[in-house]
């Protein structure tokens, strides 16, 4: 039986607000050795961890990350009140630099850092790459740059980023000419975009499938050649897959 490795998708969203330091720390405490985060820039170009194009779902206010200065973002709370009520009313938006410091304290952990297209569109590829590199400098060797933007990944490769992952929604997209030019070490694909059967292998590329919270699905994908499973429920998935690994 092949047991896939797990990636803590945006930290530990089953129990904590996503893309927050507290969620990432909880995922690592639960046993995660790979985490994934999303990066955008504030109006004054501070890299922060945030997925959505707008602030409503997570912070309960209107607007976009790139419309506010970091000082204004700091005044918000990533509470996800619809799910958690007041439990996380004191949780701030996390800066990318805080992830860098966390990784220094956790040298066994690797982070997949996703460049969001909203910030690429607003600030440009070179600006985003420069600021991300600067924020992650203490732990750059522990980081893998990923994105849906193949143009950004190609620029990153040309600038010397050593480990890169392309993100796609449909399996058929993996054959794009631009992906071949990038030669990513990792390929992320939505589980809903996979063919129903057959092997899922690409020479020289590790496959990461998102979003999976069912250990049976994870094991079936591993048997088809998938290397990593990205999940919002990393602690529960680790426990279930450990039981499968221990069973005769």
C-alpha atoms as a PDB file:
ATOM      1  CA  UNK A   1       0.000   0.000   0.000  1.00  0.00           C
ATOM      2  CA  UNK A   2       1.336   3.412  -1.023  1.00  0.00           C
ATOM      3  CA  UNK A   3       0.802   6.142   1.587  1.00  0.00           C
ATOM      4  CA  UNK A   4       0.891   9.680   0.139  1.00  0.00           C
ATOM      5  CA  UNK A   5       2.548  12.598   1.870  1.00  0.00           C
ATOM      6  CA  UNK A   6       0.222  15.338   3.075  1.00  0.00           C
ATOM      7  CA  UNK A   7       0.286  19.089   2.525  1.00  0.00           C
ATOM      8  CA  UNK A   8      -1.526  21.271   5.069  1.00  0.00           C
ATOM      9  CA  UNK A   9      -3.668  23.367   2.725  1.00  0.00           C
ATOM     10  CA  UNK A  10      -3.679  26.970   4.016  1.00  0.00           C
ATOM     11  CA  UNK A  11      -2.661  25.645   7.423  1.00  0.00           C
ATOM     12  CA  UNK A  12      -5.386  23.804   9.341  1.00  0.00           C
ATOM     13  CA  UNK A  13      -8.699  25.293   8.152  1.00  0.00           C
ATOM     14  CA  UNK A  14     -10.836  22.544   9.640  1.00  0.00           C
ATOM     15  CA  UNK A  15     -10.149  24.028  13.076  1.00  0.00           C
ATOM     16  CA  UNK A  16      -8.457  27.418  12.552  1.00  0.00           C
ATOM     17  CA  UNK A  17      -8.822  30.410  10.241  1.00  0.00           C
ATOM     18  CA  UNK A  18      -6.925  29.719   7.043  1.00  0.00           C
ATOM     19  CA  UNK A  19      -3.545  31.227   6.179  1.00  0.00           C
ATOM     20  CA  UNK A  20      -2.910  32.316   9.762  1.00  0.00           C
ATOM     21  CA  UNK A  21       0.122  31.781  11.940  1.00  0.00           C
ATOM     22  CA  UNK A  22      -1.980  30.013  14.569  1.00  0.00           C
ATOM     23  CA  UNK A  23      -3.338  27.613  11.939  1.00  0.00           C
ATOM     24  CA  UNK A  24       0.086  26.876  10.515  1.00  0.00           C
ATOM     25  CA  UNK A  25       1.516  26.230  13.976  1.00  0.00           C
ATOM     26  CA  UNK A  26      -1.382  23.877  14.727  1.00  0.00           C
ATOM     27  CA  UNK A  27      -0.851  21.976  11.467  1.00  0.00           C
ATOM     28  CA  UNK A  28       2.833  21.499  12.264  1.00  0.00           C
ATOM     29  CA  UNK A  29       2.013  20.429  15.822  1.00  0.00           C
ATOM     30  CA  UNK A  30      -0.384  17.843  14.339  1.00  0.00           C
ATOM     31  CA  UNK A  31       2.486  16.391  12.303  1.00  0.00           C
ATOM     32  CA  UNK A  32       2.433  18.284   9.009  1.00  0.00           C
ATOM     33  CA  UNK A  33       5.818  18.539   7.336  1.00  0.00           C
ATOM     34  CA  UNK A  34       4.504  20.335   4.257  1.00  0.00           C
ATOM     35  CA  UNK A  35       2.303  23.428   4.410  1.00  0.00           C
ATOM     36  CA  UNK A  36       0.781  25.614   1.714  1.00  0.00           C
ATOM     37  CA  UNK A  37      -0.066  29.317   1.888  1.00  0.00           C
ATOM     38  CA  UNK A  38      -1.348  32.044  -0.430  1.00  0.00           C
ATOM     39  CA  UNK A  39       0.419  35.390  -0.836  1.00  0.00           C
ATOM     40  CA  UNK A  40      -0.921  38.812  -1.780  1.00  0.00           C
ATOM     41  CA  UNK A  41       0.438  42.341  -1.384  1.00  0.00           C
ATOM     42  CA  UNK A  42      -1.097  45.150   0.627  1.00  0.00           C
ATOM     43  CA  UNK A  43      -1.479  48.576  -0.946  1.00  0.00           C
ATOM     44  CA  UNK A  44       1.933  49.545   0.443  1.00  0.00           C
ATOM     45  CA  UNK A  45       3.427  46.290  -0.853  1.00  0.00           C
ATOM     46  CA  UNK A  46       3.698  44.191   2.284  1.00  0.00           C
ATOM     47  CA  UNK A  47       3.352  40.454   1.471  1.00  0.00           C
ATOM     48  CA  UNK A  48       0.596  38.868   3.550  1.00  0.00           C
ATOM     49  CA  UNK A  49      -1.043  35.452   3.692  1.00  0.00           C
ATOM     50  CA  UNK A  50      -4.515  35.631   2.178  1.00  0.00           C
ATOM     51  CA  UNK A  51      -6.439  33.561  -0.368  1.00  0.00           C
ATOM     52  CA  UNK A  52      -9.590  35.402  -1.416  1.00  0.00           C
ATOM     53  CA  UNK A  53      -9.681  38.412  -3.713  1.00  0.00           C
ATOM     54  CA  UNK A  54     -11.849  40.221  -1.152  1.00  0.00           C
ATOM     55  CA  UNK A  55     -11.905  40.436   2.636  1.00  0.00           C
ATOM     56  CA  UNK A  56     -15.558  39.610   3.281  1.00  0.00           C
ATOM     57  CA  UNK A  57     -15.514  35.871   4.003  1.00  0.00           C
ATOM     58  CA  UNK A  58     -12.552  35.888   6.365  1.00  0.00           C
ATOM     59  CA  UNK A  59     -12.601  39.378   7.883  1.00  0.00           C
ATOM     60  CA  UNK A  60     -16.236  40.392   7.546  1.00  0.00           C
ATOM     61  CA  UNK A  61     -15.535  43.678   5.737  1.00  0.00           C
ATOM     62  CA  UNK A  62     -15.710  44.840   2.152  1.00  0.00           C
ATOM     63  CA  UNK A  63     -12.648  45.558   0.061  1.00  0.00           C
ATOM     64  CA  UNK A  64      -9.567  43.846  -1.300  1.00  0.00           C
ATOM     65  CA  UNK A  65      -6.206  43.178   0.312  1.00  0.00           C
ATOM     66  CA  UNK A  66      -4.392  45.380  -2.192  1.00  0.00           C
ATOM     67  CA  UNK A  67      -6.716  48.330  -1.501  1.00  0.00           C
ATOM     68  CA  UNK A  68      -5.548  48.684   2.107  1.00  0.00           C
ATOM     69  CA  UNK A  69      -2.206  49.587   3.640  1.00  0.00           C
ATOM     70  CA  UNK A  70      -0.724  46.967   5.939  1.00  0.00           C
ATOM     71  CA  UNK A  71      -1.473  49.127   8.976  1.00  0.00           C
ATOM     72  CA  UNK A  72      -5.151  49.021   7.998  1.00  0.00           C
ATOM     73  CA  UNK A  73      -5.024  45.266   7.399  1.00  0.00           C
ATOM     74  CA  UNK A  74      -3.426  44.813  10.822  1.00  0.00           C
ATOM     75  CA  UNK A  75      -6.514  46.393  12.341  1.00  0.00           C
ATOM     76  CA  UNK A  76      -8.718  43.664  10.865  1.00  0.00           C
ATOM     77  CA  UNK A  77      -9.230  40.172  12.258  1.00  0.00           C
ATOM     78  CA  UNK A  78      -9.190  36.897  10.324  1.00  0.00           C
ATOM     79  CA  UNK A  79     -11.931  35.531  12.547  1.00  0.00           C
ATOM     80  CA  UNK A  80     -14.171  33.668  10.047  1.00  0.00           C
ATOM     81  CA  UNK A  81     -17.017  34.459  12.404  1.00  0.00           C
ATOM     82  CA  UNK A  82     -19.603  32.499  10.418  1.00  0.00           C
ATOM     83  CA  UNK A  83     -17.704  29.297  11.260  1.00  0.00           C
ATOM     84  CA  UNK A  84     -15.936  30.110  14.514  1.00  0.00           C
ATOM     85  CA  UNK A  85     -17.946  32.876  16.188  1.00  0.00           C
ATOM     86  CA  UNK A  86     -15.690  34.877  18.515  1.00  0.00           C
ATOM     87  CA  UNK A  87     -13.129  32.123  19.083  1.00  0.00           C
ATOM     88  CA  UNK A  88     -10.513  33.816  16.885  1.00  0.00           C
ATOM     89  CA  UNK A  89     -11.532  37.459  17.352  1.00  0.00           C
ATOM     90  CA  UNK A  90      -7.913  38.444  18.102  1.00  0.00           C
ATOM     91  CA  UNK A  91      -6.226  36.765  15.100  1.00  0.00           C
ATOM     92  CA  UNK A  92      -4.493  39.201  12.744  1.00  0.00           C
ATOM     93  CA  UNK A  93      -3.684  38.818   9.060  1.00  0.00           C
ATOM     94  CA  UNK A  94      -0.290  37.091   8.931  1.00  0.00           C
ATOM     95  CA  UNK A  95       2.675  38.618   7.125  1.00  0.00           C
ATOM     96  CA  UNK A  96       4.709  36.369   4.849  1.00  0.00           C
ATOM     97  CA  UNK A  97       7.779  37.272   6.901  1.00  0.00           C
ATOM     98  CA  UNK A  98       6.144  35.604   9.910  1.00  0.00           C
ATOM     99  CA  UNK A  99       5.987  32.372   7.936  1.00  0.00           C
ATOM    100  CA  UNK A 100       9.692  32.760   7.228  1.00  0.00           C
ATOM    101  CA  UNK A 101      10.452  33.054  10.934  1.00  0.00           C
ATOM    102  CA  UNK A 102       8.241  30.048  11.687  1.00  0.00           C
ATOM    103  CA  UNK A 103      10.135  27.952   9.148  1.00  0.00           C
ATOM    104  CA  UNK A 104      13.463  28.914  10.699  1.00  0.00           C
ATOM    105  CA  UNK A 105      12.139  27.501  13.979  1.00  0.00           C
ATOM    106  CA  UNK A 106      10.859  24.391  12.163  1.00  0.00           C
ATOM    107  CA  UNK A 107      13.683  23.343   9.813  1.00  0.00           C
ATOM    108  CA  UNK A 108      11.975  20.029   9.009  1.00  0.00           C
ATOM    109  CA  UNK A 109       8.993  21.837   7.435  1.00  0.00           C
ATOM    110  CA  UNK A 110       8.689  22.816   3.749  1.00  0.00           C
ATOM    111  CA  UNK A 111       6.287  25.518   2.555  1.00  0.00           C
ATOM    112  CA  UNK A 112       4.556  25.784  -0.800  1.00  0.00           C
ATOM    113  CA  UNK A 113       4.051  29.516  -1.347  1.00  0.00           C
ATOM    114  CA  UNK A 114       1.371  30.416  -3.883  1.00  0.00           C
ATOM    115  CA  UNK A 115       1.550  33.721  -5.748  1.00  0.00           C
ATOM    116  CA  UNK A 116      -2.020  34.948  -6.199  1.00  0.00           C
ATOM    117  CA  UNK A 117      -2.972  36.329  -9.574  1.00  0.00           C
ATOM    118  CA  UNK A 118      -4.746  39.337  -8.041  1.00  0.00           C
ATOM    119  CA  UNK A 119      -1.427  40.758  -6.824  1.00  0.00           C
ATOM    120  CA  UNK A 120       0.357  39.854 -10.056  1.00  0.00           C
ATOM    121  CA  UNK A 121      -2.289  41.823 -11.949  1.00  0.00           C
ATOM    122  CA  UNK A 122      -2.034  44.806  -9.602  1.00  0.00           C
ATOM    123  CA  UNK A 123       1.713  45.064  -8.933  1.00  0.00           C
ATOM    124  CA  UNK A 124       3.418  43.023 -11.648  1.00  0.00           C
ATOM    125  CA  UNK A 125       5.455  39.831 -11.581  1.00  0.00           C
ATOM    126  CA  UNK A 126       8.870  41.299 -10.810  1.00  0.00           C
ATOM    127  CA  UNK A 127       7.650  43.335  -7.849  1.00  0.00           C
ATOM    128  CA  UNK A 128       5.866  40.373  -6.308  1.00  0.00           C
ATOM    129  CA  UNK A 129       8.820  38.023  -6.796  1.00  0.00           C
ATOM    130  CA  UNK A 130      11.254  40.523  -5.286  1.00  0.00           C
ATOM    131  CA  UNK A 131       9.125  41.138  -2.194  1.00  0.00           C
ATOM    132  CA  UNK A 132       8.377  37.452  -1.657  1.00  0.00           C
ATOM    133  CA  UNK A 133      12.062  36.560  -1.872  1.00  0.00           C
ATOM    134  CA  UNK A 134      12.931  39.323   0.585  1.00  0.00           C
ATOM    135  CA  UNK A 135      10.292  38.200   3.106  1.00  0.00           C
ATOM    136  CA  UNK A 136      11.345  34.561   2.953  1.00  0.00           C
ATOM    137  CA  UNK A 137      15.087  35.141   2.871  1.00  0.00           C
ATOM    138  CA  UNK A 138      15.850  33.461   6.251  1.00  0.00           C
ATOM    139  CA  UNK A 139      14.087  30.274   5.132  1.00  0.00           C
ATOM    140  CA  UNK A 140      14.218  30.448   1.344  1.00  0.00           C
ATOM    141  CA  UNK A 141      15.699  26.948   1.066  1.00  0.00           C
ATOM    142  CA  UNK A 142      12.543  25.563   2.734  1.00  0.00           C
ATOM    143  CA  UNK A 143      10.179  27.217   0.265  1.00  0.00           C
ATOM    144  CA  UNK A 144       8.725  26.133  -3.070  1.00  0.00           C
ATOM    145  CA  UNK A 145       7.092  28.787  -5.244  1.00  0.00           C
ATOM    146  CA  UNK A 146       3.760  27.821  -6.849  1.00  0.00           C
ATOM    147  CA  UNK A 147       1.114  29.631  -8.887  1.00  0.00           C
ATOM    148  CA  UNK A 148      -1.626  29.381 -11.485  1.00  0.00           C
ATOM    149  CA  UNK A 149       0.275  32.116 -13.335  1.00  0.00           C
ATOM    150  CA  UNK A 150       2.654  30.249 -15.613  1.00  0.00           C
ATOM    151  CA  UNK A 151       4.155  33.547 -16.739  1.00  0.00           C
ATOM    152  CA  UNK A 152       5.117  34.336 -13.142  1.00  0.00           C
ATOM    153  CA  UNK A 153       6.638  30.884 -12.695  1.00  0.00           C
ATOM    154  CA  UNK A 154       8.651  31.209 -15.893  1.00  0.00           C
ATOM    155  CA  UNK A 155       9.982  34.559 -14.681  1.00  0.00           C
ATOM    156  CA  UNK A 156      10.825  32.997 -11.326  1.00  0.00           C
ATOM    157  CA  UNK A 157      12.695  30.171 -13.007  1.00  0.00           C
ATOM    158  CA  UNK A 158      14.692  32.642 -15.080  1.00  0.00           C
ATOM    159  CA  UNK A 159      15.495  34.585 -11.900  1.00  0.00           C
ATOM    160  CA  UNK A 160      16.976  31.490 -10.308  1.00  0.00           C
ATOM    161  CA  UNK A 161      14.190  30.107  -8.130  1.00  0.00           C
ATOM    162  CA  UNK A 162      15.265  26.500  -7.715  1.00  0.00           C
ATOM    163  CA  UNK A 163      11.995  24.743  -6.779  1.00  0.00           C
ATOM    164  CA  UNK A 164       8.723  25.560  -8.507  1.00  0.00           C
ATOM    165  CA  UNK A 165       5.225  24.111  -8.751  1.00  0.00           C
ATOM    166  CA  UNK A 166       2.564  24.822 -11.381  1.00  0.00           C
ATOM    167  CA  UNK A 167      -1.112  24.806 -10.383  1.00  0.00           C
ATOM    168  CA  UNK A 168      -3.877  23.660 -12.758  1.00  0.00           C
ATOM    169  CA  UNK A 169      -7.574  22.864 -12.451  1.00  0.00           C
ATOM    170  CA  UNK A 170      -7.866  20.232 -15.190  1.00  0.00           C
ATOM    171  CA  UNK A 171      -5.472  17.329 -15.743  1.00  0.00           C
ATOM    172  CA  UNK A 172      -5.422  17.937 -19.503  1.00  0.00           C
ATOM    173  CA  UNK A 173      -3.705  21.283 -18.846  1.00  0.00           C
ATOM    174  CA  UNK A 174      -0.472  19.606 -17.736  1.00  0.00           C
ATOM    175  CA  UNK A 175       0.725  19.292 -21.327  1.00  0.00           C
ATOM    176  CA  UNK A 176       0.919  23.046 -21.951  1.00  0.00           C
ATOM    177  CA  UNK A 177       4.045  24.250 -23.734  1.00  0.00           C
ATOM    178  CA  UNK A 178       4.683  26.875 -21.054  1.00  0.00           C
ATOM    179  CA  UNK A 179       4.690  24.236 -18.323  1.00  0.00           C
ATOM    180  CA  UNK A 180       7.314  22.307 -20.274  1.00  0.00           C
ATOM    181  CA  UNK A 181       9.431  25.472 -20.457  1.00  0.00           C
ATOM    182  CA  UNK A 182       9.142  26.009 -16.704  1.00  0.00           C
ATOM    183  CA  UNK A 183       9.965  22.364 -15.970  1.00  0.00           C
ATOM    184  CA  UNK A 184       8.308  22.456 -12.523  1.00  0.00           C
ATOM    185  CA  UNK A 185       9.353  19.939  -9.909  1.00  0.00           C
ATOM    186  CA  UNK A 186       5.746  19.872  -8.662  1.00  0.00           C
ATOM    187  CA  UNK A 187       2.356  19.941 -10.345  1.00  0.00           C
ATOM    188  CA  UNK A 188      -0.786  20.764  -8.338  1.00  0.00           C
ATOM    189  CA  UNK A 189      -4.157  19.696  -9.751  1.00  0.00           C
ATOM    190  CA  UNK A 190      -7.738  19.936  -8.506  1.00  0.00           C
ATOM    191  CA  UNK A 191      -9.107  16.489  -7.618  1.00  0.00           C
ATOM    192  CA  UNK A 192     -12.299  17.333  -9.521  1.00  0.00           C
ATOM    193  CA  UNK A 193     -10.264  17.883 -12.688  1.00  0.00           C
ATOM    194  CA  UNK A 194      -8.711  14.406 -12.770  1.00  0.00           C
ATOM    195  CA  UNK A 195      -9.700  11.597 -15.146  1.00  0.00           C
ATOM    196  CA  UNK A 196     -11.737   8.907 -13.428  1.00  0.00           C
ATOM    197  CA  UNK A 197      -9.172   6.164 -13.981  1.00  0.00           C
ATOM    198  CA  UNK A 198      -5.647   5.481 -15.165  1.00  0.00           C
ATOM    199  CA  UNK A 199      -2.200   6.339 -13.883  1.00  0.00           C
ATOM    200  CA  UNK A 200      -1.328   9.926 -13.013  1.00  0.00           C
ATOM    201  CA  UNK A 201       2.401  10.192 -13.490  1.00  0.00           C
ATOM    202  CA  UNK A 202       4.729  12.690 -15.145  1.00  0.00           C
ATOM    203  CA  UNK A 203       8.435  11.913 -15.342  1.00  0.00           C
ATOM    204  CA  UNK A 204      10.482  14.133 -13.066  1.00  0.00           C
ATOM    205  CA  UNK A 205       7.454  15.841 -11.521  1.00  0.00           C
ATOM    206  CA  UNK A 206       5.815  15.234  -8.146  1.00  0.00           C
ATOM    207  CA  UNK A 207       2.019  15.353  -8.243  1.00  0.00           C
ATOM    208  CA  UNK A 208       0.016  17.189  -5.587  1.00  0.00           C
ATOM    209  CA  UNK A 209      -3.771  16.817  -5.617  1.00  0.00           C
ATOM    210  CA  UNK A 210      -6.169  19.202  -3.827  1.00  0.00           C
ATOM    211  CA  UNK A 211      -8.607  19.326  -1.993  1.00  0.00           C
ATOM    212  CA  UNK A 212      -9.002  15.880  -0.354  1.00  0.00           C
ATOM    213  CA  UNK A 213     -10.334  15.103   3.116  1.00  0.00           C
ATOM    214  CA  UNK A 214     -11.212  11.411   2.625  1.00  0.00           C
ATOM    215  CA  UNK A 215      -8.354   8.989   3.376  1.00  0.00           C
ATOM    216  CA  UNK A 216      -9.838   6.394   1.019  1.00  0.00           C
ATOM    217  CA  UNK A 217      -9.661   8.870  -1.858  1.00  0.00           C
ATOM    218  CA  UNK A 218      -6.094   9.770  -0.859  1.00  0.00           C
ATOM    219  CA  UNK A 219      -5.017   6.125  -0.908  1.00  0.00           C
ATOM    220  CA  UNK A 220      -6.705   5.493  -4.251  1.00  0.00           C
ATOM    221  CA  UNK A 221      -4.899   8.489  -5.746  1.00  0.00           C
ATOM    222  CA  UNK A 222      -1.573   7.341  -4.320  1.00  0.00           C
ATOM    223  CA  UNK A 223      -2.098   3.976  -6.008  1.00  0.00           C
ATOM    224  CA  UNK A 224      -2.490   5.862  -9.300  1.00  0.00           C
ATOM    225  CA  UNK A 225       0.857   7.623  -8.885  1.00  0.00           C
ATOM    226  CA  UNK A 226       0.045  10.738  -6.841  1.00  0.00           C
ATOM    227  CA  UNK A 227       2.828  11.799  -4.464  1.00  0.00           C
ATOM    228  CA  UNK A 228       1.116  14.400  -2.247  1.00  0.00           C
ATOM    229  CA  UNK A 229      -2.407  15.083  -1.046  1.00  0.00           C
ATOM    230  CA  UNK A 230      -3.344  18.630  -0.062  1.00  0.00           C
ATOM    231  CA  UNK A 231      -5.965  18.803   2.670  1.00  0.00           C
ATOM    232  CA  UNK A 232      -7.756  21.205   5.004  1.00  0.00           C
ATOM    233  CA  UNK A 233      -7.878  18.447   7.648  1.00  0.00           C
ATOM    234  CA  UNK A 234      -4.230  17.519   7.976  1.00  0.00           C
ATOM    235  CA  UNK A 235      -4.377  16.181  11.545  1.00  0.00           C
ATOM    236  CA  UNK A 236      -7.296  13.863  10.924  1.00  0.00           C
ATOM    237  CA  UNK A 237      -5.864  12.672   7.621  1.00  0.00           C
ATOM    238  CA  UNK A 238      -2.467  11.946   9.180  1.00  0.00           C
ATOM    239  CA  UNK A 239      -4.098   9.827  11.860  1.00  0.00           C
ATOM    240  CA  UNK A 240      -6.218   7.861   9.396  1.00  0.00           C
ATOM    241  CA  UNK A 241      -3.368   7.241   6.972  1.00  0.00           C
ATOM    242  CA  UNK A 242      -1.118   6.158   9.848  1.00  0.00           C
ATOM    243  CA  UNK A 243      -3.696   3.521  10.780  1.00  0.00           C
ATOM    244  CA  UNK A 244      -3.721   2.245   7.212  1.00  0.00           C
ATOM    245  CA  UNK A 245       0.088   2.141   7.163  1.00  0.00           C
ATOM    246  CA  UNK A 246       0.165   0.152  10.409  1.00  0.00           C
ATOM    247  CA  UNK A 247      -2.478  -2.359   9.350  1.00  0.00           C
ATOM    248  CA  UNK A 248      -1.227  -5.701   7.973  1.00  0.00           C
END
